[in-house]
Amino acid sequence: MILRLPQTLNARLGGGPLAASASHAKPLLDWSVRAFVVGKTELVLLSNTRSLYSAVFDGVAGETRTQLAERVAGAVGTILDGTGRFVGVGNDLAPESVRFAKALDRSVTGSMNELVAYSEVLLAGGDLAVPEVGVRLNDFLLSALARAGEKYGTPRAAFAALVAGPSS
């Protein structure tokens, strides 16, 4: 699995320089991370790099890259288990098989910035629990996910197409 981190988060986790890496051969195993703060609470946005399908969870204060890899592998495993696509990728989710890399491109970074801003708005009201925010993010319209003939797409639809495979 590839886990893409911004340089600042990588440094906080005690990691060395990050290398660029092409997309994972299995797009369901390529994920990007962004830490952000709402009020006094640090949170993490975890997004599939290709579809931007996301989850939000508590921050990484005091963690190492290994600890983050363990949490992310668990979260990705849960997501994939819900799709029926966990079979065949289980070994790739072992924390020791996680490779850390730089962000893929500006489109992903910009879209994740939009998702962070939307998360902040959703959490400002105080009505949603942190995991619920991730559920809502997956219905957020993003131009980076537009299909032919459309202006916008949602992470949920993009992830469903990714799970369905190349025939979709």
C-alpha atoms as a PDB file:
ATOM      1  CA  MET A   1       0.000   0.000   0.000  1.00  0.00           C
ATOM      2  CA  ILE A   2       1.157   3.528  -0.715  1.00  0.00           C
ATOM      3  CA  LEU A   3       0.466   6.165   1.901  1.00  0.00           C
ATOM      4  CA  ARG A   4       1.028   9.698   0.613  1.00  0.00           C
ATOM      5  CA  LEU A   5       1.911  12.313   3.229  1.00  0.00           C
ATOM      6  CA  PRO A   6       2.562  16.043   3.072  1.00  0.00           C
ATOM      7  CA  GLN A   7       6.149  16.900   4.028  1.00  0.00           C
ATOM      8  CA  THR A   8       5.076  18.685   7.224  1.00  0.00           C
ATOM      9  CA  LEU A   9       3.148  15.685   8.536  1.00  0.00           C
ATOM     10  CA  ASN A  10       5.947  13.329   7.556  1.00  0.00           C
ATOM     11  CA  ALA A  11       8.430  15.441   9.537  1.00  0.00           C
ATOM     12  CA  ARG A  12       6.121  15.448  12.599  1.00  0.00           C
ATOM     13  CA  LEU A  13       5.950  11.656  12.399  1.00  0.00           C
ATOM     14  CA  GLY A  14       9.734  11.419  12.379  1.00  0.00           C
ATOM     15  CA  GLY A  15      10.070  10.320   8.764  1.00  0.00           C
ATOM     16  CA  GLY A  16      12.954  10.974   6.428  1.00  0.00           C
ATOM     17  CA  PRO A  17      12.660  12.517   2.977  1.00  0.00           C
ATOM     18  CA  LEU A  18       9.697  11.327   0.925  1.00  0.00           C
ATOM     19  CA  ALA A  19      10.198  10.040  -2.588  1.00  0.00           C
ATOM     20  CA  ALA A  20       7.843  10.542  -5.486  1.00  0.00           C
ATOM     21  CA  SER A  21       5.945   7.416  -6.432  1.00  0.00           C
ATOM     22  CA  ALA A  22       3.740   6.548  -9.375  1.00  0.00           C
ATOM     23  CA  SER A  23       0.198   5.373  -8.680  1.00  0.00           C
ATOM     24  CA  HIS A  24      -0.099   1.937  -7.115  1.00  0.00           C
ATOM     25  CA  ALA A  25      -0.873  -0.846  -9.595  1.00  0.00           C
ATOM     26  CA  LYS A  26      -3.949  -1.558  -7.450  1.00  0.00           C
ATOM     27  CA  PRO A  27      -5.678   1.853  -7.075  1.00  0.00           C
ATOM     28  CA  LEU A  28      -7.566   0.633  -3.997  1.00  0.00           C
ATOM     29  CA  LEU A  29      -4.181   0.530  -2.233  1.00  0.00           C
ATOM     30  CA  ASP A  30      -3.119   4.134  -2.904  1.00  0.00           C
ATOM     31  CA  TRP A  31      -4.183   6.556  -0.143  1.00  0.00           C
ATOM     32  CA  SER A  32      -3.375  10.161   0.770  1.00  0.00           C
ATOM     33  CA  VAL A  33      -3.369  11.706   4.242  1.00  0.00           C
ATOM     34  CA  ARG A  34      -3.792  15.267   5.471  1.00  0.00           C
ATOM     35  CA  ALA A  35      -3.820  16.404   9.112  1.00  0.00           C
ATOM     36  CA  PHE A  36      -5.918  19.418  10.086  1.00  0.00           C
ATOM     37  CA  VAL A  37      -7.220  21.128  13.210  1.00  0.00           C
ATOM     38  CA  VAL A  38     -10.777  22.116  14.097  1.00  0.00           C
ATOM     39  CA  GLY A  39     -10.938  24.129  17.301  1.00  0.00           C
ATOM     40  CA  LYS A  40      -8.441  22.355  19.533  1.00  0.00           C
ATOM     41  CA  THR A  41      -8.943  18.941  17.973  1.00  0.00           C
ATOM     42  CA  GLU A  42      -6.445  17.525  15.521  1.00  0.00           C
ATOM     43  CA  LEU A  43      -7.997  15.302  12.864  1.00  0.00           C
ATOM     44  CA  VAL A  44      -6.796  13.272   9.907  1.00  0.00           C
ATOM     45  CA  LEU A  45      -8.367  13.136   6.465  1.00  0.00           C
ATOM     46  CA  LEU A  46      -7.655   9.830   4.723  1.00  0.00           C
ATOM     47  CA  SER A  47      -8.598   9.781   1.032  1.00  0.00           C
ATOM     48  CA  ASN A  48      -8.192   7.207  -1.686  1.00  0.00           C
ATOM     49  CA  THR A  49      -5.822   8.954  -4.067  1.00  0.00           C
ATOM     50  CA  ARG A  50      -7.749   8.101  -7.242  1.00  0.00           C
ATOM     51  CA  SER A  51     -11.383   8.427  -6.080  1.00  0.00           C
ATOM     52  CA  LEU A  52     -10.962  10.761  -3.064  1.00  0.00           C
ATOM     53  CA  TYR A  53     -13.254   8.434  -1.085  1.00  0.00           C
ATOM     54  CA  SER A  54     -12.551   9.576   2.453  1.00  0.00           C
ATOM     55  CA  ALA A  55     -12.638   8.875   6.147  1.00  0.00           C
ATOM     56  CA  VAL A  56     -11.909  11.255   9.012  1.00  0.00           C
ATOM     57  CA  PHE A  57     -10.436  10.177  12.343  1.00  0.00           C
ATOM     58  CA  ASP A  58      -8.630  11.556  15.377  1.00  0.00           C
ATOM     59  CA  GLY A  59      -5.242  13.161  14.882  1.00  0.00           C
ATOM     60  CA  VAL A  60      -1.705  11.874  14.936  1.00  0.00           C
ATOM     61  CA  ALA A  61      -0.237  13.792  17.865  1.00  0.00           C
ATOM     62  CA  GLY A  62       2.727  11.864  19.241  1.00  0.00           C
ATOM     63  CA  GLU A  63       2.469   9.034  16.712  1.00  0.00           C
ATOM     64  CA  THR A  64       5.189   7.525  14.556  1.00  0.00           C
ATOM     65  CA  ARG A  65       4.862   6.617  10.895  1.00  0.00           C
ATOM     66  CA  THR A  66       4.497   2.974  11.950  1.00  0.00           C
ATOM     67  CA  GLN A  67       1.579   3.799  14.253  1.00  0.00           C
ATOM     68  CA  LEU A  68      -0.099   5.857  11.538  1.00  0.00           C
ATOM     69  CA  ALA A  69       0.434   3.012   9.053  1.00  0.00           C
ATOM     70  CA  GLU A  70      -1.274   0.604  11.472  1.00  0.00           C
ATOM     71  CA  ARG A  71      -4.290   2.888  11.902  1.00  0.00           C
ATOM     72  CA  VAL A  72      -4.571   3.601   8.183  1.00  0.00           C
ATOM     73  CA  ALA A  73      -4.228  -0.081   7.272  1.00  0.00           C
ATOM     74  CA  GLY A  74      -7.060  -0.873   9.687  1.00  0.00           C
ATOM     75  CA  ALA A  75      -9.263   1.881   8.266  1.00  0.00           C
ATOM     76  CA  VAL A  76      -8.567   0.880   4.653  1.00  0.00           C
ATOM     77  CA  GLY A  77      -9.213  -2.761   5.541  1.00  0.00           C
ATOM     78  CA  THR A  78     -12.588  -1.817   7.013  1.00  0.00           C
ATOM     79  CA  ILE A  79     -13.480   0.238   3.935  1.00  0.00           C
ATOM     80  CA  LEU A  80     -12.471  -2.531   1.520  1.00  0.00           C
ATOM     81  CA  ASP A  81     -14.176  -5.206   3.608  1.00  0.00           C
ATOM     82  CA  GLY A  82     -17.425  -3.268   3.180  1.00  0.00           C
ATOM     83  CA  THR A  83     -17.012  -3.423  -0.600  1.00  0.00           C
ATOM     84  CA  GLY A  84     -16.176  -7.104  -0.786  1.00  0.00           C
ATOM     85  CA  ARG A  85     -12.765  -6.239  -2.282  1.00  0.00           C
ATOM     86  CA  PHE A  86     -10.718  -7.062   0.815  1.00  0.00           C
ATOM     87  CA  VAL A  87      -9.952 -10.563  -0.476  1.00  0.00           C
ATOM     88  CA  GLY A  88      -6.623 -10.562  -2.270  1.00  0.00           C
ATOM     89  CA  VAL A  89      -5.301  -7.353  -0.697  1.00  0.00           C
ATOM     90  CA  GLY A  90      -5.032  -8.407   2.939  1.00  0.00           C
ATOM     91  CA  ASN A  91      -1.237  -8.908   2.826  1.00  0.00           C
ATOM     92  CA  ASP A  92      -0.814  -5.536   1.110  1.00  0.00           C
ATOM     93  CA  LEU A  93      -2.447  -3.895   4.132  1.00  0.00           C
ATOM     94  CA  ALA A  94       0.096  -5.170   6.623  1.00  0.00           C
ATOM     95  CA  PRO A  95       1.679  -2.086   8.217  1.00  0.00           C
ATOM     96  CA  GLU A  96       5.156  -3.325   7.280  1.00  0.00           C
ATOM     97  CA  SER A  97       4.186  -3.332   3.591  1.00  0.00           C
ATOM     98  CA  VAL A  98       3.164   0.356   3.616  1.00  0.00           C
ATOM     99  CA  ARG A  99       5.371   2.599   1.470  1.00  0.00           C
ATOM    100  CA  PHE A 100       5.375   6.311   2.222  1.00  0.00           C
ATOM    101  CA  ALA A 101       5.486   8.781  -0.658  1.00  0.00           C
ATOM    102  CA  LYS A 102       4.923  12.409  -1.626  1.00  0.00           C
ATOM    103  CA  ALA A 103       1.518  13.644  -2.743  1.00  0.00           C
ATOM    104  CA  LEU A 104       0.673  12.413  -6.236  1.00  0.00           C
ATOM    105  CA  ASP A 105      -0.244  15.745  -7.823  1.00  0.00           C
ATOM    106  CA  ARG A 106      -1.791  19.160  -7.250  1.00  0.00           C
ATOM    107  CA  SER A 107      -5.240  17.989  -8.277  1.00  0.00           C
ATOM    108  CA  VAL A 108      -5.349  15.536  -5.368  1.00  0.00           C
ATOM    109  CA  THR A 109      -3.851  18.077  -2.963  1.00  0.00           C
ATOM    110  CA  GLY A 110      -6.325  20.785  -4.025  1.00  0.00           C
ATOM    111  CA  SER A 111      -9.291  18.433  -3.752  1.00  0.00           C
ATOM    112  CA  MET A 112      -8.180  17.308  -0.299  1.00  0.00           C
ATOM    113  CA  ASN A 113      -7.915  20.970   0.725  1.00  0.00           C
ATOM    114  CA  GLU A 114     -11.555  21.382  -0.372  1.00  0.00           C
ATOM    115  CA  LEU A 115     -12.547  18.302   1.648  1.00  0.00           C
ATOM    116  CA  VAL A 116     -10.741  19.686   4.710  1.00  0.00           C
ATOM    117  CA  ALA A 117     -12.579  23.017   4.357  1.00  0.00           C
ATOM    118  CA  TYR A 118     -15.911  21.189   4.066  1.00  0.00           C
ATOM    119  CA  SER A 119     -15.005  19.058   7.111  1.00  0.00           C
ATOM    120  CA  GLU A 120     -14.347  22.214   9.110  1.00  0.00           C
ATOM    121  CA  VAL A 121     -17.778  23.566   8.162  1.00  0.00           C
ATOM    122  CA  LEU A 122     -19.488  20.278   9.074  1.00  0.00           C
ATOM    123  CA  LEU A 123     -17.715  20.099  12.433  1.00  0.00           C
ATOM    124  CA  ALA A 124     -18.265  23.769  13.310  1.00  0.00           C
ATOM    125  CA  GLY A 125     -21.939  23.143  14.044  1.00  0.00           C
ATOM    126  CA  GLY A 126     -21.075  20.478  16.605  1.00  0.00           C
ATOM    127  CA  ASP A 127     -23.920  18.236  15.431  1.00  0.00           C
ATOM    128  CA  LEU A 128     -21.824  15.555  13.740  1.00  0.00           C
ATOM    129  CA  ALA A 129     -19.453  12.989  15.177  1.00  0.00           C
ATOM    130  CA  VAL A 130     -16.040  12.821  13.502  1.00  0.00           C
ATOM    131  CA  PRO A 131     -16.704   9.517  11.644  1.00  0.00           C
ATOM    132  CA  GLU A 132     -19.958  10.946  10.267  1.00  0.00           C
ATOM    133  CA  VAL A 133     -18.028  13.754   8.621  1.00  0.00           C
ATOM    134  CA  GLY A 134     -16.197  11.243   6.430  1.00  0.00           C
ATOM    135  CA  VAL A 135     -19.524   9.772   5.343  1.00  0.00           C
ATOM    136  CA  ARG A 136     -20.748  13.233   4.318  1.00  0.00           C
ATOM    137  CA  LEU A 137     -17.532  14.045   2.477  1.00  0.00           C
ATOM    138  CA  ASN A 138     -18.128  11.148   0.121  1.00  0.00           C
ATOM    139  CA  ASP A 139     -21.171  12.937  -1.315  1.00  0.00           C
ATOM    140  CA  PHE A 140     -19.349  16.264  -1.826  1.00  0.00           C
ATOM    141  CA  LEU A 141     -19.173  17.404  -5.450  1.00  0.00           C
ATOM    142  CA  LEU A 142     -15.644  17.781  -6.809  1.00  0.00           C
ATOM    143  CA  SER A 143     -14.653  18.925 -10.291  1.00  0.00           C
ATOM    144  CA  ALA A 144     -11.576  16.669 -10.219  1.00  0.00           C
ATOM    145  CA  LEU A 145     -13.928  13.657 -10.280  1.00  0.00           C
ATOM    146  CA  ALA A 146     -16.069  14.754 -13.223  1.00  0.00           C
ATOM    147  CA  ARG A 147     -16.881  12.068 -15.747  1.00  0.00           C
ATOM    148  CA  ALA A 148     -17.363  12.713 -19.438  1.00  0.00           C
ATOM    149  CA  GLY A 149     -20.236  15.123 -20.003  1.00  0.00           C
ATOM    150  CA  GLU A 150     -20.471  16.135 -16.337  1.00  0.00           C
ATOM    151  CA  LYS A 151     -18.988  19.061 -14.435  1.00  0.00           C
ATOM    152  CA  TYR A 152     -18.649  17.315 -11.058  1.00  0.00           C
ATOM    153  CA  GLY A 153     -18.481  13.901  -9.475  1.00  0.00           C
ATOM    154  CA  THR A 154     -18.634  12.533  -5.950  1.00  0.00           C
ATOM    155  CA  PRO A 155     -16.027  10.434  -4.169  1.00  0.00           C
ATOM    156  CA  ARG A 156     -18.714   7.802  -3.498  1.00  0.00           C
ATOM    157  CA  ALA A 157     -19.462   7.363  -7.217  1.00  0.00           C
ATOM    158  CA  ALA A 158     -15.766   7.440  -8.165  1.00  0.00           C
ATOM    159  CA  PHE A 159     -14.948   4.807  -5.537  1.00  0.00           C
ATOM    160  CA  ALA A 160     -17.845   2.602  -6.647  1.00  0.00           C
ATOM    161  CA  ALA A 161     -16.495   2.769 -10.207  1.00  0.00           C
ATOM    162  CA  LEU A 162     -13.007   1.939  -8.947  1.00  0.00           C
ATOM    163  CA  VAL A 163     -14.316  -1.051  -6.975  1.00  0.00           C
ATOM    164  CA  ALA A 164     -16.319  -2.266  -9.988  1.00  0.00           C
ATOM    165  CA  GLY A 165     -13.124  -2.335 -12.018  1.00  0.00           C
ATOM    166  CA  PRO A 166     -12.084  -1.221 -15.484  1.00  0.00           C
ATOM    167  CA  SER A 167     -15.372  -2.228 -17.117  1.00  0.00           C
ATOM    168  CA  SER A 168     -17.200   0.706 -15.492  1.00  0.00           C
END
